[in-house]
Every structure is written in C-alpha cells, then in structure tokens.
Amino acid sequence: MQATLLSILGLALLGTLHAQDSIPVQTDFQQDKLTGRWYGIGLASNSNWFKEKRHLMKMCTTIISTTPEGNLEVTSTYPKGDQCMTRNSLYVKTEQPGKFTYTSPRWGSKHSIHVVETNYEEYALVATQISKSTGTSTMVLLYSRTKELSPERLERFTQFSREQGLADDEILILPQTGKAGSTGM
C-alpha cells in the first residue's frame, strides 16, 4: 500500500515538473525589448480567485522595467471599483532567459513565469505556473502595446491557453475601462 502511494505521489510530482518544463520560452529572448508600457488584454486561469472575480476584471496597464540586478520590476495598475489600484512585483531572472520567478509576499505562493512568445512591438504571451500550499494553478496573460490587438493574436492567446489545459470559461478577453483616457490606465 505504501509503495503504491509513493509511486502515485512520485508520478504526480513528475507530472508537475514536466508540466512546468513543457511551457515554452521565447527563443533568443531580449529582456530590454520587453520593457515599457503594456496593456493586459487577455487573462486565463484555473485558479479559484479568477473564477470568483472574473466578472469584475477589466484591462490593466503594466509598466515593465529592468532593475540594476537584471530582474524585472512589473507595476500593474488596474481598476477596482471606482479606484485605480497598483501592484508591484519583482520578477527574478533565472539561468534561462525569458523565465523568471516571483514569490507573493502576501500569499507566499511561488510563481514560475515564462515569456512564451513576443515580437516586443505588438504583443507578449506570458504563462505562469503558481504553486501554493493548497495546490497549483496556471495563468496565461496576453499583453499588447495598444488597447486593441488583431484577431489572430487573440486567437493565438485562446489556443495557447487551451493547450495549457484551460477551459473556454477560464479564458477572458478583458474589457477596456471607461476611465482609460483620463487616468492613464
């Protein structure tokens, strides 16, 4: 019985490690070209918070800059009720260009972030594996340099999200905010 349980746990762990390794990373990733202003156009996730908050979500603005240590400072501004909220995250570089780690100071969750593909001037597709004490979840983000993106890029986001095991009701193209022009969001 114990041997069977250990075998199952070993296979589950191997599956989790394989899932993280199977997320591709942009070939010849050039970090400096990723910096600047992006708009969060799409969000897909199988996490509980996404299911609970999905109907409230809107497009956000994200500014990416490089720290002196070569990490990424990611500042996202998003609407929450009638206010604009800002969240700062430090994505720590790994040995593999285009792959970063982040630990949430609030929740203690560990994030493995992969810049899957980007042309730097139009869009960026980013996938994150999130591990916390209650389990793991997947999140896929679609960023754009403008507030609108071609149907082909939107379809690529949807297709990639499905490839990561996300269902159609876990994939969302974010609506624009009404305050976007006046607040800079």
N, C-alpha and C. Protein backbone atom coordinates (compact mmCIF):
# COMPACT_ATOMS: atom_id res chain seq x y z
N MET A 1 0.83 -1.20 0.00
CA MET A 1 0.00 0.00 0.00
C MET A 1 0.87 1.26 0.00
N GLN A 2 1.87 1.28 0.91
CA GLN A 2 2.75 2.45 0.98
C GLN A 2 3.53 2.64 -0.32
N ALA A 3 3.99 1.53 -0.89
CA ALA A 3 4.75 1.61 -2.13
C ALA A 3 3.87 2.16 -3.26
N THR A 4 2.62 1.73 -3.29
CA THR A 4 1.69 2.23 -4.31
C THR A 4 1.46 3.72 -4.13
N LEU A 5 1.26 4.15 -2.90
CA LEU A 5 1.03 5.57 -2.61
C LEU A 5 2.25 6.40 -3.00
N LEU A 6 3.44 5.91 -2.65
CA LEU A 6 4.66 6.61 -3.02
C LEU A 6 4.81 6.67 -4.54
N SER A 7 4.46 5.61 -5.23
CA SER A 7 4.54 5.61 -6.70
C SER A 7 3.61 6.65 -7.29
N ILE A 8 2.39 6.73 -6.75
CA ILE A 8 1.42 7.71 -7.24
C ILE A 8 1.91 9.12 -6.98
N LEU A 9 2.42 9.38 -5.76
CA LEU A 9 2.94 10.71 -5.44
C LEU A 9 4.13 11.05 -6.33
N GLY A 10 5.00 10.08 -6.58
CA GLY A 10 6.15 10.30 -7.45
C GLY A 10 5.72 10.65 -8.86
N LEU A 11 4.73 9.95 -9.38
CA LEU A 11 4.21 10.25 -10.72
C LEU A 11 3.55 11.62 -10.76
N ALA A 12 2.83 11.97 -9.70
CA ALA A 12 2.19 13.29 -9.65
C ALA A 12 3.24 14.39 -9.65
N LEU A 13 4.30 14.21 -8.86
CA LEU A 13 5.38 15.20 -8.82
C LEU A 13 6.08 15.28 -10.17
N LEU A 14 6.35 14.14 -10.77
CA LEU A 14 6.98 14.12 -12.08
C LEU A 14 6.09 14.83 -13.11
N GLY A 15 4.79 14.61 -13.03
CA GLY A 15 3.85 15.28 -13.93
C GLY A 15 3.88 16.78 -13.75
N THR A 16 3.95 17.24 -12.50
CA THR A 16 4.01 18.68 -12.22
C THR A 16 5.30 19.27 -12.76
N LEU A 17 6.41 18.60 -12.52
CA LEU A 17 7.69 19.10 -13.03
C LEU A 17 7.69 19.11 -14.55
N HIS A 18 7.14 18.06 -15.16
CA HIS A 18 7.08 18.01 -16.62
C HIS A 18 6.20 19.13 -17.16
N ALA A 19 5.09 19.41 -16.49
CA ALA A 19 4.18 20.48 -16.95
C ALA A 19 4.91 21.82 -16.94
N GLN A 20 5.71 22.07 -15.91
CA GLN A 20 6.44 23.34 -15.85
C GLN A 20 7.49 23.39 -16.96
N ASP A 21 8.15 22.27 -17.23
CA ASP A 21 9.18 22.24 -18.26
C ASP A 21 8.58 22.33 -19.66
N SER A 22 7.31 21.95 -19.80
CA SER A 22 6.71 21.92 -21.13
C SER A 22 6.24 23.30 -21.59
N ILE A 23 6.26 24.29 -20.72
CA ILE A 23 5.88 25.64 -21.14
C ILE A 23 7.07 26.23 -21.89
N PRO A 24 6.86 26.58 -23.15
CA PRO A 24 7.97 27.11 -23.94
C PRO A 24 8.38 28.52 -23.49
N VAL A 25 9.57 28.91 -23.90
CA VAL A 25 10.08 30.25 -23.63
C VAL A 25 10.55 30.84 -24.96
N GLN A 26 10.33 32.13 -25.14
CA GLN A 26 10.72 32.85 -26.36
C GLN A 26 12.17 32.53 -26.73
N THR A 27 12.39 32.12 -27.95
CA THR A 27 13.74 31.87 -28.45
C THR A 27 14.48 33.21 -28.56
N ASP A 28 15.73 33.23 -28.18
CA ASP A 28 16.56 34.45 -28.24
C ASP A 28 15.89 35.62 -27.52
N PHE A 29 15.36 35.35 -26.33
CA PHE A 29 14.67 36.38 -25.56
C PHE A 29 15.58 37.58 -25.30
N GLN A 30 15.06 38.78 -25.56
CA GLN A 30 15.81 40.02 -25.35
C GLN A 30 15.07 40.87 -24.33
N GLN A 31 15.49 40.76 -23.09
CA GLN A 31 14.79 41.37 -21.96
C GLN A 31 14.60 42.88 -22.11
N ASP A 32 15.60 43.59 -22.61
CA ASP A 32 15.50 45.04 -22.71
C ASP A 32 14.37 45.46 -23.65
N LYS A 33 14.03 44.63 -24.63
CA LYS A 33 12.96 44.97 -25.57
C LYS A 33 11.57 44.76 -24.96
N LEU A 34 11.50 44.04 -23.83
CA LEU A 34 10.21 43.79 -23.18
C LEU A 34 9.80 44.96 -22.28
N THR A 35 10.72 45.84 -21.98
CA THR A 35 10.42 46.93 -21.06
C THR A 35 9.47 47.95 -21.70
N GLY A 36 8.83 48.73 -20.84
CA GLY A 36 7.91 49.76 -21.32
C GLY A 36 6.48 49.47 -20.91
N ARG A 37 5.55 50.19 -21.56
CA ARG A 37 4.12 50.09 -21.23
C ARG A 37 3.45 48.99 -22.04
N TRP A 38 2.64 48.20 -21.32
CA TRP A 38 1.83 47.15 -21.92
C TRP A 38 0.41 47.26 -21.38
N TYR A 39 -0.54 46.78 -22.15
CA TYR A 39 -1.93 46.68 -21.69
C TYR A 39 -2.27 45.20 -21.54
N GLY A 40 -2.87 44.85 -20.40
CA GLY A 40 -3.33 43.49 -20.19
C GLY A 40 -4.61 43.28 -20.96
N ILE A 41 -4.53 42.56 -22.08
CA ILE A 41 -5.66 42.37 -22.99
C ILE A 41 -6.43 41.10 -22.66
N GLY A 42 -5.69 40.03 -22.31
CA GLY A 42 -6.33 38.75 -22.05
C GLY A 42 -5.79 38.12 -20.78
N LEU A 43 -6.65 37.37 -20.10
CA LEU A 43 -6.27 36.66 -18.89
C LEU A 43 -6.99 35.33 -18.87
N ALA A 44 -6.26 34.27 -18.62
CA ALA A 44 -6.84 32.93 -18.50
C ALA A 44 -6.26 32.29 -17.24
N SER A 45 -7.10 31.60 -16.48
CA SER A 45 -6.61 30.97 -15.27
C SER A 45 -7.60 29.92 -14.78
N ASN A 46 -7.07 28.89 -14.13
CA ASN A 46 -7.92 27.90 -13.49
C ASN A 46 -7.91 28.04 -11.97
N SER A 47 -7.50 29.21 -11.49
CA SER A 47 -7.46 29.45 -10.04
C SER A 47 -8.84 29.85 -9.52
N ASN A 48 -9.05 29.63 -8.23
CA ASN A 48 -10.32 29.99 -7.61
C ASN A 48 -10.57 31.49 -7.63
N TRP A 49 -9.54 32.31 -7.38
CA TRP A 49 -9.76 33.77 -7.36
C TRP A 49 -10.22 34.27 -8.72
N PHE A 50 -9.72 33.65 -9.81
CA PHE A 50 -10.14 34.07 -11.14
C PHE A 50 -11.63 33.75 -11.35
N LYS A 51 -12.03 32.56 -10.94
CA LYS A 51 -13.44 32.17 -11.09
C LYS A 51 -14.36 33.12 -10.31
N GLU A 52 -13.91 33.54 -9.12
CA GLU A 52 -14.72 34.42 -8.28
C GLU A 52 -14.74 35.87 -8.79
N LYS A 53 -13.65 36.35 -9.36
CA LYS A 53 -13.51 37.77 -9.75
C LYS A 53 -13.64 38.02 -11.24
N ARG A 54 -13.77 36.99 -12.03
CA ARG A 54 -13.78 37.09 -13.49
C ARG A 54 -14.72 38.19 -14.01
N HIS A 55 -15.92 38.24 -13.48
CA HIS A 55 -16.93 39.19 -13.95
C HIS A 55 -16.58 40.64 -13.64
N LEU A 56 -15.63 40.88 -12.73
CA LEU A 56 -15.24 42.24 -12.34
C LEU A 56 -14.00 42.73 -13.08
N MET A 57 -13.30 41.84 -13.76
CA MET A 57 -11.99 42.19 -14.33
C MET A 57 -12.10 43.06 -15.57
N LYS A 58 -11.12 43.99 -15.65
CA LYS A 58 -11.03 44.89 -16.80
C LYS A 58 -9.55 44.99 -17.20
N MET A 59 -9.33 45.57 -18.36
CA MET A 59 -7.99 45.77 -18.87
C MET A 59 -7.16 46.57 -17.87
N CYS A 60 -5.87 46.23 -17.75
CA CYS A 60 -4.99 46.99 -16.87
C CYS A 60 -3.79 47.48 -17.67
N THR A 61 -3.05 48.39 -17.06
CA THR A 61 -1.82 48.89 -17.65
C THR A 61 -0.65 48.35 -16.84
N THR A 62 0.36 47.85 -17.53
CA THR A 62 1.53 47.30 -16.85
C THR A 62 2.78 47.98 -17.41
N ILE A 63 3.63 48.42 -16.51
CA ILE A 63 4.93 49.00 -16.88
C ILE A 63 6.01 48.02 -16.43
N ILE A 64 6.86 47.63 -17.38
CA ILE A 64 7.96 46.70 -17.09
C ILE A 64 9.27 47.45 -17.23
N SER A 65 10.09 47.36 -16.19
CA SER A 65 11.42 47.98 -16.23
C SER A 65 12.44 46.99 -15.68
N THR A 66 13.69 47.22 -16.01
CA THR A 66 14.77 46.35 -15.56
C THR A 66 15.44 46.97 -14.34
N THR A 67 15.71 46.13 -13.34
CA THR A 67 16.43 46.60 -12.15
C THR A 67 17.93 46.53 -12.43
N PRO A 68 18.75 47.20 -11.61
CA PRO A 68 20.21 47.12 -11.80
C PRO A 68 20.75 45.69 -11.75
N GLU A 69 20.04 44.79 -11.03
CA GLU A 69 20.48 43.39 -10.91
C GLU A 69 20.06 42.55 -12.12
N GLY A 70 19.28 43.16 -13.04
CA GLY A 70 18.84 42.42 -14.22
C GLY A 70 17.50 41.73 -14.07
N ASN A 71 16.80 42.00 -12.96
CA ASN A 71 15.46 41.45 -12.77
C ASN A 71 14.44 42.39 -13.41
N LEU A 72 13.17 41.99 -13.38
CA LEU A 72 12.12 42.84 -13.94
C LEU A 72 11.23 43.39 -12.82
N GLU A 73 11.04 44.69 -12.83
CA GLU A 73 10.09 45.35 -11.95
C GLU A 73 8.81 45.49 -12.76
N VAL A 74 7.73 44.88 -12.28
CA VAL A 74 6.46 44.86 -13.01
C VAL A 74 5.42 45.61 -12.17
N THR A 75 4.94 46.73 -12.69
CA THR A 75 3.96 47.56 -11.99
C THR A 75 2.67 47.56 -12.79
N SER A 76 1.63 47.00 -12.20
CA SER A 76 0.33 46.92 -12.87
C SER A 76 -0.67 47.82 -12.17
N THR A 77 -1.39 48.61 -12.97
CA THR A 77 -2.44 49.49 -12.47
C THR A 77 -3.76 48.99 -13.05
N TYR A 78 -4.72 48.75 -12.17
CA TYR A 78 -5.98 48.18 -12.62
C TYR A 78 -7.14 48.80 -11.85
N PRO A 79 -8.33 48.81 -12.48
CA PRO A 79 -9.49 49.38 -11.79
C PRO A 79 -10.04 48.41 -10.75
N LYS A 80 -10.40 48.93 -9.60
CA LYS A 80 -11.07 48.14 -8.56
C LYS A 80 -12.16 49.03 -8.00
N GLY A 81 -13.38 48.73 -8.37
CA GLY A 81 -14.49 49.62 -8.01
C GLY A 81 -14.32 50.93 -8.75
N ASP A 82 -14.35 52.03 -8.03
CA ASP A 82 -14.17 53.34 -8.68
C ASP A 82 -12.78 53.90 -8.43
N GLN A 83 -11.84 53.03 -8.04
CA GLN A 83 -10.47 53.46 -7.79
C GLN A 83 -9.49 52.73 -8.71
N CYS A 84 -8.30 53.27 -8.81
CA CYS A 84 -7.21 52.60 -9.50
C CYS A 84 -6.27 52.03 -8.45
N MET A 85 -5.98 50.76 -8.56
CA MET A 85 -5.07 50.09 -7.64
C MET A 85 -3.76 49.79 -8.38
N THR A 86 -2.65 49.77 -7.64
CA THR A 86 -1.35 49.47 -8.24
C THR A 86 -0.73 48.31 -7.49
N ARG A 87 -0.16 47.37 -8.25
CA ARG A 87 0.54 46.24 -7.66
C ARG A 87 1.94 46.16 -8.25
N ASN A 88 2.94 46.10 -7.39
CA ASN A 88 4.34 45.98 -7.82
C ASN A 88 4.82 44.56 -7.57
N SER A 89 5.50 44.00 -8.55
CA SER A 89 6.06 42.65 -8.43
C SER A 89 7.49 42.67 -8.95
N LEU A 90 8.35 41.90 -8.31
CA LEU A 90 9.73 41.76 -8.76
C LEU A 90 9.91 40.37 -9.32
N TYR A 91 10.09 40.28 -10.65
CA TYR A 91 10.32 39.01 -11.32
C TYR A 91 11.83 38.78 -11.34
N VAL A 92 12.27 37.75 -10.65
CA VAL A 92 13.70 37.46 -10.52
C VAL A 92 14.12 36.56 -11.69
N LYS A 93 15.18 36.99 -12.38
CA LYS A 93 15.64 36.23 -13.54
C LYS A 93 16.20 34.88 -13.11
N THR A 94 16.14 33.94 -14.02
CA THR A 94 16.72 32.62 -13.79
C THR A 94 17.86 32.44 -14.80
N GLU A 95 18.44 31.26 -14.81
CA GLU A 95 19.52 31.00 -15.77
C GLU A 95 19.00 30.97 -17.20
N GLN A 96 17.72 30.70 -17.36
CA GLN A 96 17.14 30.64 -18.70
C GLN A 96 16.52 31.99 -19.07
N PRO A 97 17.04 32.68 -20.08
CA PRO A 97 16.46 33.96 -20.49
C PRO A 97 14.98 33.80 -20.86
N GLY A 98 14.15 34.69 -20.33
CA GLY A 98 12.72 34.63 -20.60
C GLY A 98 11.94 33.89 -19.53
N LYS A 99 12.64 33.34 -18.55
CA LYS A 99 11.99 32.63 -17.44
C LYS A 99 12.36 33.34 -16.13
N PHE A 100 11.33 33.59 -15.31
CA PHE A 100 11.51 34.33 -14.07
C PHE A 100 10.78 33.64 -12.93
N THR A 101 11.13 34.02 -11.70
CA THR A 101 10.40 33.53 -10.53
C THR A 101 9.90 34.72 -9.73
N TYR A 102 8.84 34.50 -9.02
CA TYR A 102 8.26 35.53 -8.16
C TYR A 102 7.62 34.82 -6.98
N THR A 103 7.79 35.37 -5.79
CA THR A 103 7.13 34.86 -4.59
C THR A 103 6.23 35.96 -4.06
N SER A 104 4.95 35.65 -3.92
CA SER A 104 3.99 36.63 -3.42
C SER A 104 4.22 36.90 -1.94
N PRO A 105 4.53 38.16 -1.57
CA PRO A 105 4.75 38.46 -0.16
C PRO A 105 3.44 38.31 0.64
N ARG A 106 2.32 38.50 -0.01
CA ARG A 106 1.03 38.43 0.69
C ARG A 106 0.57 37.00 0.92
N TRP A 107 0.69 36.14 -0.12
CA TRP A 107 0.15 34.79 -0.04
C TRP A 107 1.21 33.71 0.09
N GLY A 108 2.48 34.04 -0.19
CA GLY A 108 3.55 33.05 -0.11
C GLY A 108 3.60 32.10 -1.29
N SER A 109 2.78 32.35 -2.30
CA SER A 109 2.77 31.47 -3.47
C SER A 109 4.02 31.69 -4.32
N LYS A 110 4.47 30.62 -4.96
CA LYS A 110 5.65 30.65 -5.82
C LYS A 110 5.18 30.66 -7.27
N HIS A 111 5.73 31.57 -8.06
CA HIS A 111 5.33 31.73 -9.46
C HIS A 111 6.52 31.45 -10.37
N SER A 112 6.32 30.59 -11.36
CA SER A 112 7.31 30.34 -12.39
C SER A 112 6.76 30.98 -13.66
N ILE A 113 7.39 32.07 -14.10
CA ILE A 113 6.88 32.91 -15.18
C ILE A 113 7.69 32.68 -16.44
N HIS A 114 6.99 32.41 -17.55
CA HIS A 114 7.62 32.14 -18.84
C HIS A 114 7.12 33.15 -19.86
N VAL A 115 8.03 33.90 -20.48
CA VAL A 115 7.65 34.72 -21.63
C VAL A 115 7.62 33.75 -22.81
N VAL A 116 6.42 33.33 -23.20
CA VAL A 116 6.24 32.27 -24.19
C VAL A 116 6.60 32.76 -25.59
N GLU A 117 6.02 33.91 -25.96
CA GLU A 117 6.35 34.48 -27.27
C GLU A 117 6.02 35.96 -27.26
N THR A 118 6.81 36.70 -28.03
CA THR A 118 6.60 38.14 -28.16
C THR A 118 7.33 38.62 -29.41
N ASN A 119 6.80 39.69 -30.00
CA ASN A 119 7.56 40.37 -31.05
C ASN A 119 8.02 41.74 -30.52
N TYR A 120 7.80 41.97 -29.21
CA TYR A 120 8.26 43.14 -28.46
C TYR A 120 7.54 44.44 -28.83
N GLU A 121 7.08 44.58 -30.05
CA GLU A 121 6.48 45.84 -30.51
C GLU A 121 4.96 45.79 -30.55
N GLU A 122 4.39 44.57 -30.48
CA GLU A 122 2.95 44.45 -30.61
C GLU A 122 2.32 43.67 -29.44
N TYR A 123 2.86 42.49 -29.14
CA TYR A 123 2.23 41.63 -28.14
C TYR A 123 3.27 40.81 -27.38
N ALA A 124 2.83 40.28 -26.23
CA ALA A 124 3.62 39.33 -25.45
C ALA A 124 2.65 38.34 -24.81
N LEU A 125 2.98 37.07 -24.91
CA LEU A 125 2.20 35.99 -24.32
C LEU A 125 3.02 35.42 -23.17
N VAL A 126 2.46 35.46 -21.96
CA VAL A 126 3.19 35.06 -20.76
C VAL A 126 2.39 34.00 -20.01
N ALA A 127 3.05 32.90 -19.64
CA ALA A 127 2.40 31.83 -18.89
C ALA A 127 3.06 31.70 -17.52
N THR A 128 2.24 31.48 -16.51
CA THR A 128 2.74 31.36 -15.14
C THR A 128 2.17 30.11 -14.48
N GLN A 129 3.05 29.32 -13.87
CA GLN A 129 2.64 28.21 -13.01
C GLN A 129 2.73 28.72 -11.58
N ILE A 130 1.64 28.61 -10.85
CA ILE A 130 1.58 29.12 -9.48
C ILE A 130 1.44 27.95 -8.52
N SER A 131 2.34 27.87 -7.54
CA SER A 131 2.30 26.81 -6.54
C SER A 131 2.09 27.42 -5.17
N LYS A 132 1.11 26.89 -4.45
CA LYS A 132 0.90 27.30 -3.06
C LYS A 132 0.47 26.09 -2.26
N SER A 133 0.31 26.25 -0.98
CA SER A 133 0.03 25.11 -0.12
C SER A 133 -1.25 24.38 -0.50
N THR A 134 -2.20 25.06 -1.13
CA THR A 134 -3.47 24.43 -1.48
C THR A 134 -3.45 23.78 -2.86
N GLY A 135 -2.34 23.89 -3.59
CA GLY A 135 -2.24 23.27 -4.91
C GLY A 135 -1.60 24.19 -5.93
N THR A 136 -1.71 23.79 -7.19
CA THR A 136 -1.11 24.58 -8.26
C THR A 136 -2.19 25.08 -9.21
N SER A 137 -1.88 26.17 -9.90
CA SER A 137 -2.78 26.70 -10.91
C SER A 137 -1.95 27.27 -12.05
N THR A 138 -2.62 27.52 -13.15
CA THR A 138 -1.98 28.05 -14.35
C THR A 138 -2.63 29.39 -14.69
N MET A 139 -1.82 30.34 -15.12
CA MET A 139 -2.33 31.63 -15.56
C MET A 139 -1.61 32.00 -16.86
N VAL A 140 -2.39 32.48 -17.83
CA VAL A 140 -1.83 32.95 -19.09
C VAL A 140 -2.27 34.39 -19.28
N LEU A 141 -1.32 35.27 -19.60
CA LEU A 141 -1.60 36.68 -19.84
C LEU A 141 -1.25 37.05 -21.27
N LEU A 142 -2.07 37.89 -21.85
CA LEU A 142 -1.79 38.44 -23.17
C LEU A 142 -1.63 39.94 -23.01
N TYR A 143 -0.44 40.44 -23.33
CA TYR A 143 -0.14 41.87 -23.26
C TYR A 143 -0.09 42.45 -24.67
N SER A 144 -0.45 43.72 -24.78
CA SER A 144 -0.38 44.43 -26.05
C SER A 144 0.18 45.82 -25.81
N ARG A 145 0.87 46.35 -26.79
CA ARG A 145 1.39 47.72 -26.69
C ARG A 145 0.27 48.74 -26.87
N THR A 146 -0.84 48.33 -27.48
CA THR A 146 -2.01 49.20 -27.68
C THR A 146 -3.22 48.54 -27.01
N LYS A 147 -4.32 49.27 -26.94
CA LYS A 147 -5.50 48.74 -26.26
C LYS A 147 -6.31 47.77 -27.11
N GLU A 148 -5.88 47.57 -28.35
CA GLU A 148 -6.55 46.60 -29.21
C GLU A 148 -5.50 45.73 -29.88
N LEU A 149 -5.90 44.51 -30.21
CA LEU A 149 -4.97 43.56 -30.79
C LEU A 149 -5.69 42.80 -31.91
N SER A 150 -4.94 42.35 -32.88
CA SER A 150 -5.54 41.68 -34.04
C SER A 150 -6.26 40.40 -33.62
N PRO A 151 -7.29 40.01 -34.38
CA PRO A 151 -8.00 38.76 -34.09
C PRO A 151 -7.07 37.55 -34.09
N GLU A 152 -6.02 37.58 -34.92
CA GLU A 152 -5.07 36.47 -34.95
C GLU A 152 -4.32 36.33 -33.63
N ARG A 153 -3.93 37.45 -33.04
CA ARG A 153 -3.22 37.40 -31.75
C ARG A 153 -4.17 36.95 -30.64
N LEU A 154 -5.42 37.41 -30.68
CA LEU A 154 -6.41 36.98 -29.68
C LEU A 154 -6.65 35.48 -29.80
N GLU A 155 -6.73 34.98 -31.02
CA GLU A 155 -6.94 33.55 -31.24
C GLU A 155 -5.73 32.75 -30.77
N ARG A 156 -4.51 33.26 -30.98
CA ARG A 156 -3.30 32.58 -30.51
C ARG A 156 -3.32 32.46 -28.99
N PHE A 157 -3.75 33.53 -28.30
CA PHE A 157 -3.87 33.52 -26.84
C PHE A 157 -4.86 32.44 -26.40
N THR A 158 -6.02 32.39 -27.05
CA THR A 158 -7.04 31.39 -26.71
C THR A 158 -6.52 29.98 -26.96
N GLN A 159 -5.88 29.78 -28.11
CA GLN A 159 -5.34 28.47 -28.47
C GLN A 159 -4.28 28.03 -27.47
N PHE A 160 -3.34 28.92 -27.14
CA PHE A 160 -2.28 28.58 -26.20
C PHE A 160 -2.87 28.27 -24.82
N SER A 161 -3.85 29.05 -24.38
CA SER A 161 -4.49 28.80 -23.08
C SER A 161 -5.11 27.41 -23.04
N ARG A 162 -5.77 27.02 -24.13
CA ARG A 162 -6.36 25.67 -24.22
C ARG A 162 -5.26 24.61 -24.16
N GLU A 163 -4.13 24.87 -24.83
CA GLU A 163 -3.00 23.93 -24.81
C GLU A 163 -2.47 23.74 -23.39
N GLN A 164 -2.65 24.73 -22.53
CA GLN A 164 -2.20 24.64 -21.14
C GLN A 164 -3.25 23.98 -20.26
N GLY A 165 -4.33 23.48 -20.88
CA GLY A 165 -5.35 22.76 -20.13
C GLY A 165 -6.48 23.62 -19.61
N LEU A 166 -6.54 24.89 -20.04
CA LEU A 166 -7.59 25.78 -19.56
C LEU A 166 -8.84 25.65 -20.43
N ALA A 167 -10.00 25.68 -19.79
CA ALA A 167 -11.28 25.56 -20.48
C ALA A 167 -11.72 26.93 -20.99
N ASP A 168 -12.66 26.93 -21.93
CA ASP A 168 -13.13 28.19 -22.52
C ASP A 168 -13.68 29.16 -21.48
N ASP A 169 -14.32 28.64 -20.41
CA ASP A 169 -14.86 29.54 -19.38
C ASP A 169 -13.77 30.05 -18.43
N GLU A 170 -12.53 29.61 -18.65
CA GLU A 170 -11.39 30.09 -17.86
C GLU A 170 -10.53 31.06 -18.67
N ILE A 171 -11.00 31.44 -19.86
CA ILE A 171 -10.27 32.32 -20.78
C ILE A 171 -11.09 33.58 -20.98
N LEU A 172 -10.46 34.74 -20.78
CA LEU A 172 -11.20 36.00 -20.83
C LEU A 172 -10.42 37.06 -21.62
N ILE A 173 -11.08 37.69 -22.60
CA ILE A 173 -10.54 38.89 -23.23
C ILE A 173 -11.07 40.04 -22.38
N LEU A 174 -10.17 40.82 -21.80
CA LEU A 174 -10.56 41.84 -20.81
C LEU A 174 -11.20 43.05 -21.47
N PRO A 175 -12.33 43.52 -20.92
CA PRO A 175 -12.94 44.75 -21.46
C PRO A 175 -12.12 45.97 -21.07
N GLN A 176 -12.14 46.98 -21.94
CA GLN A 176 -11.43 48.23 -21.64
C GLN A 176 -12.16 48.97 -20.53
N THR A 177 -11.42 49.78 -19.82
CA THR A 177 -12.01 50.57 -18.75
C THR A 177 -12.54 51.89 -19.32
N GLY A 178 -13.61 52.38 -18.72
CA GLY A 178 -14.18 53.65 -19.16
C GLY A 178 -13.29 54.83 -18.82
N LYS A 179 -12.43 54.68 -17.80
CA LYS A 179 -11.58 55.77 -17.33
C LYS A 179 -10.23 55.80 -18.03
N ALA A 180 -10.03 54.94 -18.99
CA ALA A 180 -8.69 54.75 -19.55
C ALA A 180 -8.07 56.06 -20.05
N GLY A 181 -8.85 56.89 -20.70
CA GLY A 181 -8.28 58.12 -21.25
C GLY A 181 -7.90 59.12 -20.19
N SER A 182 -8.68 59.20 -19.11
CA SER A 182 -8.44 60.25 -18.13
C SER A 182 -7.42 59.87 -17.07
N THR A 183 -7.26 58.58 -16.77
CA THR A 183 -6.35 58.19 -15.69
C THR A 183 -5.04 57.62 -16.19
N GLY A 184 -4.96 57.35 -17.48
CA GLY A 184 -3.74 56.75 -18.00
C GLY A 184 -3.70 55.26 -17.82
N MET A 185 -4.79 54.66 -17.31
CA MET A 185 -4.80 53.21 -17.15
C MET A 185 -4.99 52.53 -18.48
